[in-house]
């Protein structure tokens, strides 16, 4: 059995706060990053951190590297600093929601099970 460098707590926390599916996040990043400069490379539209989250969602736990683990920590910390502990759906400022969605967390959706 392959081992993982990601502990159970971080793995669970990351997959709890990232409540958008990889398809939802990919579509969001494409729309959010659409502009004249990104039209040639639509797969690269949107913020870098969002693409890193998307990469991680596409990997098996045993395939994660130390950089992935650091991104997971950053995302968990960022969402935790901007949300209540229960992560219940919450409406807020549109810019706030967009910033969170850029990293895979939609504050209007319930956490993943």
PDB file of N, CA and C in Angstrom:
ATOM      1  N   UNK A   1       0.840  -1.175   0.000  1.00  0.00           N
ATOM      2  CA  UNK A   1       0.000   0.000   0.000  1.00  0.00           C
ATOM      3  C   UNK A   1       0.890   1.246   0.000  1.00  0.00           C
ATOM      4  N   UNK A   2       0.570   2.208  -0.848  1.00  0.00           N
ATOM      5  CA  UNK A   2       1.360   3.434  -0.938  1.00  0.00           C
ATOM      6  C   UNK A   2       1.130   4.302   0.294  1.00  0.00           C
ATOM      7  N   UNK A   3       2.172   4.967   0.728  1.00  0.00           N
ATOM      8  CA  UNK A   3       2.050   5.851   1.879  1.00  0.00           C
ATOM      9  C   UNK A   3       1.811   7.273   1.390  1.00  0.00           C
ATOM     10  N   UNK A   4       1.320   8.084   2.299  1.00  0.00           N
ATOM     11  CA  UNK A   4       1.016   9.468   1.970  1.00  0.00           C
ATOM     12  C   UNK A   4       1.724  10.391   2.944  1.00  0.00           C
ATOM     13  N   UNK A   5       2.129  11.566   2.449  1.00  0.00           N
ATOM     14  CA  UNK A   5       2.755  12.557   3.309  1.00  0.00           C
ATOM     15  C   UNK A   5       1.710  13.491   3.920  1.00  0.00           C
ATOM     16  N   UNK A   6       0.442  13.258   3.606  1.00  0.00           N
ATOM     17  CA  UNK A   6      -0.644  14.090   4.130  1.00  0.00           C
ATOM     18  C   UNK A   6      -1.298  13.370   5.296  1.00  0.00           C
ATOM     19  N   UNK A   7      -1.342  14.040   6.454  1.00  0.00           N
ATOM     20  CA  UNK A   7      -1.986  13.397   7.602  1.00  0.00           C
ATOM     21  C   UNK A   7      -3.504  13.427   7.438  1.00  0.00           C
ATOM     22  N   UNK A   8      -4.171  12.576   8.190  1.00  0.00           N
ATOM     23  CA  UNK A   8      -5.621  12.432   8.074  1.00  0.00           C
ATOM     24  C   UNK A   8      -6.373  13.724   8.347  1.00  0.00           C
ATOM     25  N   UNK A   9      -5.911  14.494   9.319  1.00  0.00           N
ATOM     26  CA  UNK A   9      -6.606  15.732   9.690  1.00  0.00           C
ATOM     27  C   UNK A   9      -6.567  16.738   8.541  1.00  0.00           C
ATOM     28  N   UNK A  10      -5.396  16.951   7.956  1.00  0.00           N
ATOM     29  CA  UNK A  10      -5.291  17.895   6.843  1.00  0.00           C
ATOM     30  C   UNK A  10      -6.098  17.400   5.647  1.00  0.00           C
ATOM     31  N   UNK A  11      -6.014  16.135   5.348  1.00  0.00           N
ATOM     32  CA  UNK A  11      -6.772  15.556   4.228  1.00  0.00           C
ATOM     33  C   UNK A  11      -8.269  15.817   4.408  1.00  0.00           C
ATOM     34  N   UNK A  12      -8.783  15.528   5.585  1.00  0.00           N
ATOM     35  CA  UNK A  12     -10.216  15.726   5.858  1.00  0.00           C
ATOM     36  C   UNK A  12     -10.581  17.215   5.833  1.00  0.00           C
ATOM     37  N   UNK A  13      -9.766  18.045   6.471  1.00  0.00           N
ATOM     38  CA  UNK A  13     -10.058  19.486   6.508  1.00  0.00           C
ATOM     39  C   UNK A  13     -10.065  20.092   5.107  1.00  0.00           C
ATOM     40  N   UNK A  14      -9.090  19.720   4.299  1.00  0.00           N
ATOM     41  CA  UNK A  14      -9.026  20.235   2.935  1.00  0.00           C
ATOM     42  C   UNK A  14     -10.275  19.848   2.152  1.00  0.00           C
ATOM     43  N   UNK A  15     -10.661  18.588   2.242  1.00  0.00           N
ATOM     44  CA  UNK A  15     -11.819  18.136   1.479  1.00  0.00           C
ATOM     45  C   UNK A  15     -13.142  18.586   2.085  1.00  0.00           C
ATOM     46  N   UNK A  16     -13.102  19.117   3.284  1.00  0.00           N
ATOM     47  CA  UNK A  16     -14.293  19.739   3.861  1.00  0.00           C
ATOM     48  C   UNK A  16     -14.426  21.180   3.380  1.00  0.00           C
ATOM     49  N   UNK A  17     -13.346  21.942   3.430  1.00  0.00           N
ATOM     50  CA  UNK A  17     -13.436  23.352   3.041  1.00  0.00           C
ATOM     51  C   UNK A  17     -13.518  23.526   1.532  1.00  0.00           C
ATOM     52  N   UNK A  18     -12.916  22.633   0.769  1.00  0.00           N
ATOM     53  CA  UNK A  18     -13.045  22.699  -0.689  1.00  0.00           C
ATOM     54  C   UNK A  18     -14.329  21.961  -1.043  1.00  0.00           C
ATOM     55  N   UNK A  19     -15.414  22.734  -1.088  1.00  0.00           N
ATOM     56  CA  UNK A  19     -16.726  22.129  -1.286  1.00  0.00           C
ATOM     57  C   UNK A  19     -17.218  22.228  -2.726  1.00  0.00           C
ATOM     58  N   UNK A  20     -16.375  22.730  -3.616  1.00  0.00           N
ATOM     59  CA  UNK A  20     -16.698  22.737  -5.043  1.00  0.00           C
ATOM     60  C   UNK A  20     -16.058  21.502  -5.680  1.00  0.00           C
ATOM     61  N   UNK A  21     -16.749  20.924  -6.628  1.00  0.00           N
ATOM     62  CA  UNK A  21     -16.163  19.806  -7.363  1.00  0.00           C
ATOM     63  C   UNK A  21     -15.086  20.338  -8.292  1.00  0.00           C
ATOM     64  N   UNK A  22     -14.257  19.456  -8.787  1.00  0.00           N
ATOM     65  CA  UNK A  22     -13.212  19.901  -9.714  1.00  0.00           C
ATOM     66  C   UNK A  22     -13.837  20.533 -10.957  1.00  0.00           C
ATOM     67  N   UNK A  23     -14.938  20.020 -11.419  1.00  0.00           N
ATOM     68  CA  UNK A  23     -15.617  20.607 -12.592  1.00  0.00           C
ATOM     69  C   UNK A  23     -16.140  22.006 -12.272  1.00  0.00           C
ATOM     70  N   UNK A  24     -16.773  22.152 -11.099  1.00  0.00           N
ATOM     71  CA  UNK A  24     -17.274  23.475 -10.710  1.00  0.00           C
ATOM     72  C   UNK A  24     -16.125  24.477 -10.594  1.00  0.00           C
ATOM     73  N   UNK A  25     -15.028  24.063  -9.987  1.00  0.00           N
ATOM     74  CA  UNK A  25     -13.890  24.954  -9.820  1.00  0.00           C
ATOM     75  C   UNK A  25     -13.273  25.300 -11.174  1.00  0.00           C
ATOM     76  N   UNK A  26     -13.102  24.320 -12.036  1.00  0.00           N
ATOM     77  CA  UNK A  26     -12.543  24.567 -13.370  1.00  0.00           C
ATOM     78  C   UNK A  26     -13.416  25.565 -14.139  1.00  0.00           C
ATOM     79  N   UNK A  27     -14.724  25.344 -14.113  1.00  0.00           N
ATOM     80  CA  UNK A  27     -15.636  26.254 -14.810  1.00  0.00           C
ATOM     81  C   UNK A  27     -15.582  27.654 -14.195  1.00  0.00           C
ATOM     82  N   UNK A  28     -15.544  27.724 -12.874  1.00  0.00           N
ATOM     83  CA  UNK A  28     -15.483  29.014 -12.190  1.00  0.00           C
ATOM     84  C   UNK A  28     -14.201  29.765 -12.574  1.00  0.00           C
ATOM     85  N   UNK A  29     -13.082  29.088 -12.541  1.00  0.00           N
ATOM     86  CA  UNK A  29     -11.812  29.739 -12.875  1.00  0.00           C
ATOM     87  C   UNK A  29     -11.813  30.242 -14.311  1.00  0.00           C
ATOM     88  N   UNK A  30     -12.410  29.483 -15.209  1.00  0.00           N
ATOM     89  CA  UNK A  30     -12.469  29.898 -16.610  1.00  0.00           C
ATOM     90  C   UNK A  30     -13.311  31.159 -16.766  1.00  0.00           C
ATOM     91  N   UNK A  31     -14.433  31.223 -16.073  1.00  0.00           N
ATOM     92  CA  UNK A  31     -15.308  32.394 -16.145  1.00  0.00           C
ATOM     93  C   UNK A  31     -14.670  33.570 -15.416  1.00  0.00           C
ATOM     94  N   UNK A  32     -14.160  33.319 -14.231  1.00  0.00           N
ATOM     95  CA  UNK A  32     -13.573  34.373 -13.405  1.00  0.00           C
ATOM     96  C   UNK A  32     -12.354  34.994 -14.073  1.00  0.00           C
ATOM     97  N   UNK A  33     -11.584  34.194 -14.754  1.00  0.00           N
ATOM     98  CA  UNK A  33     -10.358  34.691 -15.365  1.00  0.00           C
ATOM     99  C   UNK A  33     -10.503  35.093 -16.814  1.00  0.00           C
ATOM    100  N   UNK A  34     -11.718  35.046 -17.332  1.00  0.00           N
ATOM    101  CA  UNK A  34     -11.912  35.380 -18.744  1.00  0.00           C
ATOM    102  C   UNK A  34     -11.566  36.839 -18.994  1.00  0.00           C
ATOM    103  N   UNK A  35     -10.873  37.057 -20.057  1.00  0.00           N
ATOM    104  CA  UNK A  35     -10.475  38.405 -20.450  1.00  0.00           C
ATOM    105  C   UNK A  35      -9.681  38.332 -21.737  1.00  0.00           C
ATOM    106  N   UNK A  36      -9.353  39.468 -22.271  1.00  0.00           N
ATOM    107  CA  UNK A  36      -8.641  39.488 -23.544  1.00  0.00           C
ATOM    108  C   UNK A  36      -7.304  38.768 -23.482  1.00  0.00           C
ATOM    109  N   UNK A  37      -6.578  38.923 -22.365  1.00  0.00           N
ATOM    110  CA  UNK A  37      -5.271  38.278 -22.283  1.00  0.00           C
ATOM    111  C   UNK A  37      -5.351  36.777 -22.060  1.00  0.00           C
ATOM    112  N   UNK A  38      -6.454  36.281 -21.572  1.00  0.00           N
ATOM    113  CA  UNK A  38      -6.552  34.852 -21.269  1.00  0.00           C
ATOM    114  C   UNK A  38      -7.261  34.054 -22.349  1.00  0.00           C
ATOM    115  N   UNK A  39      -7.798  34.701 -23.347  1.00  0.00           N
ATOM    116  CA  UNK A  39      -8.552  33.986 -24.366  1.00  0.00           C
ATOM    117  C   UNK A  39      -7.713  32.939 -25.095  1.00  0.00           C
ATOM    118  N   UNK A  40      -6.418  33.179 -25.246  1.00  0.00           N
ATOM    119  CA  UNK A  40      -5.574  32.214 -25.941  1.00  0.00           C
ATOM    120  C   UNK A  40      -5.318  30.971 -25.103  1.00  0.00           C
ATOM    121  N   UNK A  41      -5.329  31.095 -23.774  1.00  0.00           N
ATOM    122  CA  UNK A  41      -5.053  29.987 -22.862  1.00  0.00           C
ATOM    123  C   UNK A  41      -6.159  29.873 -21.811  1.00  0.00           C
ATOM    124  N   UNK A  42      -7.377  29.492 -22.223  1.00  0.00           N
ATOM    125  CA  UNK A  42      -8.490  29.467 -21.267  1.00  0.00           C
ATOM    126  C   UNK A  42      -8.262  28.505 -20.097  1.00  0.00           C
ATOM    127  N   UNK A  43      -7.461  27.458 -20.271  1.00  0.00           N
ATOM    128  CA  UNK A  43      -7.206  26.522 -19.174  1.00  0.00           C
ATOM    129  C   UNK A  43      -6.324  27.129 -18.095  1.00  0.00           C
ATOM    130  N   UNK A  44      -5.704  28.265 -18.396  1.00  0.00           N
ATOM    131  CA  UNK A  44      -4.840  28.920 -17.422  1.00  0.00           C
ATOM    132  C   UNK A  44      -5.492  30.163 -16.818  1.00  0.00           C
ATOM    133  N   UNK A  45      -6.756  30.413 -17.167  1.00  0.00           N
ATOM    134  CA  UNK A  45      -7.454  31.578 -16.637  1.00  0.00           C
ATOM    135  C   UNK A  45      -7.721  31.390 -15.150  1.00  0.00           C
ATOM    136  N   UNK A  46      -7.706  32.475 -14.424  1.00  0.00           N
ATOM    137  CA  UNK A  46      -7.981  32.429 -12.988  1.00  0.00           C
ATOM    138  C   UNK A  46      -6.703  32.439 -12.177  1.00  0.00           C
ATOM    139  N   UNK A  47      -6.840  32.572 -10.858  1.00  0.00           N
ATOM    140  CA  UNK A  47      -5.664  32.675  -9.991  1.00  0.00           C
ATOM    141  C   UNK A  47      -4.876  31.371  -9.887  1.00  0.00           C
ATOM    142  N   UNK A  48      -3.579  31.521  -9.677  1.00  0.00           N
ATOM    143  CA  UNK A  48      -2.675  30.372  -9.581  1.00  0.00           C
ATOM    144  C   UNK A  48      -3.083  29.423  -8.448  1.00  0.00           C
ATOM    145  N   UNK A  49      -3.428  29.966  -7.284  1.00  0.00           N
ATOM    146  CA  UNK A  49      -3.791  29.109  -6.151  1.00  0.00           C
ATOM    147  C   UNK A  49      -5.006  28.249  -6.492  1.00  0.00           C
ATOM    148  N   UNK A  50      -5.955  28.802  -7.196  1.00  0.00           N
ATOM    149  CA  UNK A  50      -7.119  28.022  -7.611  1.00  0.00           C
ATOM    150  C   UNK A  50      -6.737  26.854  -8.507  1.00  0.00           C
ATOM    151  N   UNK A  51      -5.777  27.082  -9.393  1.00  0.00           N
ATOM    152  CA  UNK A  51      -5.304  25.999 -10.267  1.00  0.00           C
ATOM    153  C   UNK A  51      -4.547  24.943  -9.475  1.00  0.00           C
ATOM    154  N   UNK A  52      -3.841  25.366  -8.449  1.00  0.00           N
ATOM    155  CA  UNK A  52      -3.148  24.396  -7.590  1.00  0.00           C
ATOM    156  C   UNK A  52      -4.169  23.516  -6.870  1.00  0.00           C
ATOM    157  N   UNK A  53      -5.264  24.124  -6.384  1.00  0.00           N
ATOM    158  CA  UNK A  53      -6.329  23.342  -5.743  1.00  0.00           C
ATOM    159  C   UNK A  53      -6.907  22.358  -6.745  1.00  0.00           C
ATOM    160  N   UNK A  54      -7.150  22.812  -7.946  1.00  0.00           N
ATOM    161  CA  UNK A  54      -7.680  21.948  -8.998  1.00  0.00           C
ATOM    162  C   UNK A  54      -6.744  20.779  -9.272  1.00  0.00           C
ATOM    163  N   UNK A  55      -5.448  21.038  -9.307  1.00  0.00           N
ATOM    164  CA  UNK A  55      -4.462  19.963  -9.495  1.00  0.00           C
ATOM    165  C   UNK A  55      -4.549  18.939  -8.372  1.00  0.00           C
ATOM    166  N   UNK A  56      -4.649  19.427  -7.149  1.00  0.00           N
ATOM    167  CA  UNK A  56      -4.707  18.531  -5.991  1.00  0.00           C
ATOM    168  C   UNK A  56      -5.967  17.678  -6.034  1.00  0.00           C
ATOM    169  N   UNK A  57      -7.087  18.275  -6.421  1.00  0.00           N
ATOM    170  CA  UNK A  57      -8.333  17.503  -6.506  1.00  0.00           C
ATOM    171  C   UNK A  57      -8.229  16.372  -7.524  1.00  0.00           C
ATOM    172  N   UNK A  58      -7.344  16.525  -8.494  1.00  0.00           N
ATOM    173  CA  UNK A  58      -7.170  15.503  -9.515  1.00  0.00           C
ATOM    174  C   UNK A  58      -6.154  14.430  -9.166  1.00  0.00           C
ATOM    175  N   UNK A  59      -5.561  14.523  -7.975  1.00  0.00           N
ATOM    176  CA  UNK A  59      -4.537  13.557  -7.581  1.00  0.00           C
ATOM    177  C   UNK A  59      -5.051  12.587  -6.532  1.00  0.00           C
ATOM    178  N   UNK A  60      -4.411  11.428  -6.507  1.00  0.00           N
ATOM    179  CA  UNK A  60      -4.645  10.500  -5.399  1.00  0.00           C
ATOM    180  C   UNK A  60      -3.831  10.980  -4.214  1.00  0.00           C
ATOM    181  N   UNK A  61      -4.268  10.639  -3.051  1.00  0.00           N
ATOM    182  CA  UNK A  61      -3.582  11.061  -1.832  1.00  0.00           C
ATOM    183  C   UNK A  61      -2.115  10.639  -1.827  1.00  0.00           C
ATOM    184  N   UNK A  62      -1.837   9.455  -2.297  1.00  0.00           N
ATOM    185  CA  UNK A  62      -0.459   8.946  -2.301  1.00  0.00           C
ATOM    186  C   UNK A  62       0.431   9.648  -3.327  1.00  0.00           C
ATOM    187  N   UNK A  63      -0.164  10.412  -4.249  1.00  0.00           N
ATOM    188  CA  UNK A  63       0.611  11.112  -5.270  1.00  0.00           C
ATOM    189  C   UNK A  63       0.941  12.559  -4.907  1.00  0.00           C
ATOM    190  N   UNK A  64       0.467  13.015  -3.766  1.00  0.00           N
ATOM    191  CA  UNK A  64       0.710  14.397  -3.363  1.00  0.00           C
ATOM    192  C   UNK A  64       2.173  14.608  -2.989  1.00  0.00           C
ATOM    193  N   UNK A  65       2.675  15.797  -3.273  1.00  0.00           N
ATOM    194  CA  UNK A  65       4.061  16.133  -2.937  1.00  0.00           C
ATOM    195  C   UNK A  65       4.067  17.223  -1.855  1.00  0.00           C
ATOM    196  N   UNK A  66       5.225  17.572  -1.317  1.00  0.00           N
ATOM    197  CA  UNK A  66       5.279  18.584  -0.251  1.00  0.00           C
ATOM    198  C   UNK A  66       4.677  19.939  -0.651  1.00  0.00           C
ATOM    199  N   UNK A  67       4.833  20.341  -1.898  1.00  0.00           N
ATOM    200  CA  UNK A  67       4.216  21.602  -2.340  1.00  0.00           C
ATOM    201  C   UNK A  67       2.692  21.519  -2.285  1.00  0.00           C
ATOM    202  N   UNK A  68       2.140  20.365  -2.653  1.00  0.00           N
ATOM    203  CA  UNK A  68       0.696  20.163  -2.578  1.00  0.00           C
ATOM    204  C   UNK A  68       0.215  20.276  -1.131  1.00  0.00           C
ATOM    205  N   UNK A  69       0.973  19.678  -0.227  1.00  0.00           N
ATOM    206  CA  UNK A  69       0.608  19.716   1.191  1.00  0.00           C
ATOM    207  C   UNK A  69       0.591  21.156   1.686  1.00  0.00           C
ATOM    208  N   UNK A  70       1.564  21.951   1.274  1.00  0.00           N
ATOM    209  CA  UNK A  70       1.604  23.360   1.685  1.00  0.00           C
ATOM    210  C   UNK A  70       0.404  24.119   1.128  1.00  0.00           C
ATOM    211  N   UNK A  71       0.023  23.848  -0.109  1.00  0.00           N
ATOM    212  CA  UNK A  71      -1.157  24.487  -0.700  1.00  0.00           C
ATOM    213  C   UNK A  71      -2.398  24.082   0.088  1.00  0.00           C
ATOM    214  N   UNK A  72      -2.507  22.823   0.431  1.00  0.00           N
ATOM    215  CA  UNK A  72      -3.654  22.363   1.209  1.00  0.00           C
ATOM    216  C   UNK A  72      -3.742  23.114   2.538  1.00  0.00           C
ATOM    217  N   UNK A  73      -2.618  23.267   3.211  1.00  0.00           N
ATOM    218  CA  UNK A  73      -2.600  24.015   4.484  1.00  0.00           C
ATOM    219  C   UNK A  73      -3.033  25.466   4.281  1.00  0.00           C
ATOM    220  N   UNK A  74      -2.499  26.100   3.229  1.00  0.00           N
ATOM    221  CA  UNK A  74      -2.858  27.497   2.951  1.00  0.00           C
ATOM    222  C   UNK A  74      -4.351  27.649   2.708  1.00  0.00           C
ATOM    223  N   UNK A  75      -4.921  26.736   1.954  1.00  0.00           N
ATOM    224  CA  UNK A  75      -6.347  26.825   1.638  1.00  0.00           C
ATOM    225  C   UNK A  75      -7.186  26.611   2.897  1.00  0.00           C
ATOM    226  N   UNK A  76      -6.855  25.611   3.687  1.00  0.00           N
ATOM    227  CA  UNK A  76      -7.593  25.359   4.932  1.00  0.00           C
ATOM    228  C   UNK A  76      -7.498  26.575   5.845  1.00  0.00           C
ATOM    229  N   UNK A  77      -6.302  27.123   6.011  1.00  0.00           N
ATOM    230  CA  UNK A  77      -6.115  28.289   6.870  1.00  0.00           C
ATOM    231  C   UNK A  77      -6.869  29.509   6.351  1.00  0.00           C
ATOM    232  N   UNK A  78      -6.821  29.708   5.052  1.00  0.00           N
ATOM    233  CA  UNK A  78      -7.493  30.869   4.450  1.00  0.00           C
ATOM    234  C   UNK A  78      -9.005  30.784   4.644  1.00  0.00           C
ATOM    235  N   UNK A  79      -9.575  29.626   4.394  1.00  0.00           N
ATOM    236  CA  UNK A  79     -11.021  29.477   4.563  1.00  0.00           C
ATOM    237  C   UNK A  79     -11.387  29.599   6.043  1.00  0.00           C
ATOM    238  N   UNK A  80     -10.605  28.978   6.908  1.00  0.00           N
ATOM    239  CA  UNK A  80     -10.890  29.038   8.351  1.00  0.00           C
ATOM    240  C   UNK A  80     -10.835  30.474   8.863  1.00  0.00           C
ATOM    241  N   UNK A  81      -9.941  31.276   8.333  1.00  0.00           N
ATOM    242  CA  UNK A  81      -9.816  32.653   8.805  1.00  0.00           C
ATOM    243  C   UNK A  81     -10.979  33.539   8.341  1.00  0.00           C
ATOM    244  N   UNK A  82     -11.717  33.092   7.335  1.00  0.00           N
ATOM    245  CA  UNK A  82     -12.783  33.916   6.769  1.00  0.00           C
ATOM    246  C   UNK A  82     -14.176  33.352   6.984  1.00  0.00           C
ATOM    247  N   UNK A  83     -14.267  32.201   7.628  1.00  0.00           N
ATOM    248  CA  UNK A  83     -15.563  31.553   7.818  1.00  0.00           C
ATOM    249  C   UNK A  83     -15.787  31.176   9.269  1.00  0.00           C
ATOM    250  N   UNK A  84     -17.064  30.931   9.605  1.00  0.00           N
ATOM    251  CA  UNK A  84     -17.403  30.371  10.916  1.00  0.00           C
ATOM    252  C   UNK A  84     -16.958  28.923  10.926  1.00  0.00           C
ATOM    253  N   UNK A  85     -16.811  28.379  12.111  1.00  0.00           N
ATOM    254  CA  UNK A  85     -16.352  26.997  12.239  1.00  0.00           C
ATOM    255  C   UNK A  85     -17.309  25.981  11.642  1.00  0.00           C
ATOM    256  N   UNK A  86     -18.607  26.266  11.663  1.00  0.00           N
ATOM    257  CA  UNK A  86     -19.569  25.262  11.204  1.00  0.00           C
ATOM    258  C   UNK A  86     -19.677  25.185   9.673  1.00  0.00           C
ATOM    259  N   UNK A  87     -19.144  26.172   8.963  1.00  0.00           N
ATOM    260  CA  UNK A  87     -19.168  26.216   7.499  1.00  0.00           C
ATOM    261  C   UNK A  87     -20.576  26.119   6.915  1.00  0.00           C
ATOM    262  N   UNK A  88     -21.578  26.500   7.696  1.00  0.00           N
ATOM    263  CA  UNK A  88     -22.938  26.504   7.168  1.00  0.00           C
ATOM    264  C   UNK A  88     -23.039  27.555   6.065  1.00  0.00           C
ATOM    265  N   UNK A  89     -23.915  27.319   5.069  1.00  0.00           N
ATOM    266  CA  UNK A  89     -24.048  28.274   3.977  1.00  0.00           C
ATOM    267  C   UNK A  89     -24.308  29.689   4.501  1.00  0.00           C
ATOM    268  N   UNK A  90     -23.538  30.641   3.981  1.00  0.00           N
ATOM    269  CA  UNK A  90     -23.606  32.022   4.439  1.00  0.00           C
ATOM    270  C   UNK A  90     -23.495  32.966   3.256  1.00  0.00           C
ATOM    271  N   UNK A  91     -24.455  33.885   3.180  1.00  0.00           N
ATOM    272  CA  UNK A  91     -24.358  34.927   2.163  1.00  0.00           C
ATOM    273  C   UNK A  91     -23.472  36.032   2.722  1.00  0.00           C
ATOM    274  N   UNK A  92     -22.773  36.670   1.871  1.00  0.00           N
ATOM    275  CA  UNK A  92     -21.901  37.767   2.288  1.00  0.00           C
ATOM    276  C   UNK A  92     -21.590  38.645   1.100  1.00  0.00           C
ATOM    277  N   UNK A  93     -20.615  39.472   1.270  1.00  0.00           N
ATOM    278  CA  UNK A  93     -20.156  40.365   0.223  1.00  0.00           C
ATOM    279  C   UNK A  93     -19.761  39.556  -1.014  1.00  0.00           C
ATOM    280  N   UNK A  94     -20.140  40.043  -2.176  1.00  0.00           N
ATOM    281  CA  UNK A  94     -19.860  39.318  -3.424  1.00  0.00           C
ATOM    282  C   UNK A  94     -18.360  39.131  -3.654  1.00  0.00           C
ATOM    283  N   UNK A  95     -17.563  40.136  -3.352  1.00  0.00           N
ATOM    284  CA  UNK A  95     -16.109  40.009  -3.537  1.00  0.00           C
ATOM    285  C   UNK A  95     -15.540  38.950  -2.609  1.00  0.00           C
ATOM    286  N   UNK A  96     -16.033  38.887  -1.392  1.00  0.00           N
ATOM    287  CA  UNK A  96     -15.614  37.870  -0.420  1.00  0.00           C
ATOM    288  C   UNK A  96     -15.924  36.477  -0.960  1.00  0.00           C
ATOM    289  N   UNK A  97     -17.127  36.305  -1.477  1.00  0.00           N
ATOM    290  CA  UNK A  97     -17.519  35.004  -2.026  1.00  0.00           C
ATOM    291  C   UNK A  97     -16.623  34.631  -3.210  1.00  0.00           C
ATOM    292  N   UNK A  98     -16.363  35.566  -4.080  1.00  0.00           N
ATOM    293  CA  UNK A  98     -15.522  35.293  -5.254  1.00  0.00           C
ATOM    294  C   UNK A  98     -14.106  34.884  -4.841  1.00  0.00           C
ATOM    295  N   UNK A  99     -13.548  35.577  -3.844  1.00  0.00           N
ATOM    296  CA  UNK A  99     -12.197  35.221  -3.370  1.00  0.00           C
ATOM    297  C   UNK A  99     -12.171  33.790  -2.852  1.00  0.00           C
ATOM    298  N   UNK A 100     -13.188  33.395  -2.098  1.00  0.00           N
ATOM    299  CA  UNK A 100     -13.238  32.027  -1.580  1.00  0.00           C
ATOM    300  C   UNK A 100     -13.475  31.018  -2.695  1.00  0.00           C
ATOM    301  N   UNK A 101     -14.325  31.370  -3.636  1.00  0.00           N
ATOM    302  CA  UNK A 101     -14.581  30.447  -4.744  1.00  0.00           C
ATOM    303  C   UNK A 101     -13.339  30.251  -5.607  1.00  0.00           C
ATOM    304  N   UNK A 102     -12.470  31.236  -5.653  1.00  0.00           N
ATOM    305  CA  UNK A 102     -11.227  31.110  -6.415  1.00  0.00           C
ATOM    306  C   UNK A 102     -10.328  30.008  -5.868  1.00  0.00           C
ATOM    307  N   UNK A 103     -10.568  29.583  -4.627  1.00  0.00           N
ATOM    308  CA  UNK A 103      -9.783  28.497  -4.040  1.00  0.00           C
ATOM    309  C   UNK A 103     -10.645  27.259  -3.756  1.00  0.00           C
ATOM    310  N   UNK A 104     -11.836  27.212  -4.348  1.00  0.00           N
ATOM    311  CA  UNK A 104     -12.654  26.007  -4.266  1.00  0.00           C
ATOM    312  C   UNK A 104     -13.678  25.964  -3.159  1.00  0.00           C
ATOM    313  N   UNK A 105     -13.894  27.097  -2.473  1.00  0.00           N
ATOM    314  CA  UNK A 105     -14.877  27.118  -1.392  1.00  0.00           C
ATOM    315  C   UNK A 105     -16.006  28.078  -1.741  1.00  0.00           C
ATOM    316  N   UNK A 106     -17.196  27.532  -1.917  1.00  0.00           N
ATOM    317  CA  UNK A 106     -18.377  28.361  -2.158  1.00  0.00           C
ATOM    318  C   UNK A 106     -19.118  28.514  -0.835  1.00  0.00           C
ATOM    319  N   UNK A 107     -19.138  29.720  -0.259  1.00  0.00           N
ATOM    320  CA  UNK A 107     -19.783  29.895   1.042  1.00  0.00           C
ATOM    321  C   UNK A 107     -21.299  29.715   1.017  1.00  0.00           C
ATOM    322  N   UNK A 108     -21.890  29.609  -0.156  1.00  0.00           N
ATOM    323  CA  UNK A 108     -23.326  29.364  -0.241  1.00  0.00           C
ATOM    324  C   UNK A 108     -23.666  27.873  -0.289  1.00  0.00           C
ATOM    325  N   UNK A 109     -22.647  27.040  -0.407  1.00  0.00           N
ATOM    326  CA  UNK A 109     -22.854  25.582  -0.443  1.00  0.00           C
ATOM    327  C   UNK A 109     -22.517  24.986   0.916  1.00  0.00           C
ATOM    328  N   UNK A 110     -23.220  23.922   1.263  1.00  0.00           N
ATOM    329  CA  UNK A 110     -22.840  23.221   2.506  1.00  0.00           C
ATOM    330  C   UNK A 110     -21.505  22.498   2.304  1.00  0.00           C
ATOM    331  N   UNK A 111     -20.800  22.212   3.403  1.00  0.00           N
ATOM    332  CA  UNK A 111     -19.546  21.468   3.266  1.00  0.00           C
ATOM    333  C   UNK A 111     -19.791  20.095   2.665  1.00  0.00           C
ATOM    334  N   UNK A 112     -18.753  19.553   2.026  1.00  0.00           N
ATOM    335  CA  UNK A 112     -18.847  18.195   1.477  1.00  0.00           C
ATOM    336  C   UNK A 112     -18.991  17.199   2.618  1.00  0.00           C
ATOM    337  N   UNK A 113     -19.671  16.110   2.336  1.00  0.00           N
ATOM    338  CA  UNK A 113     -19.787  15.034   3.337  1.00  0.00           C
ATOM    339  C   UNK A 113     -18.576  14.159   3.318  1.00  0.00           C
TER     340      UNK A 113
END
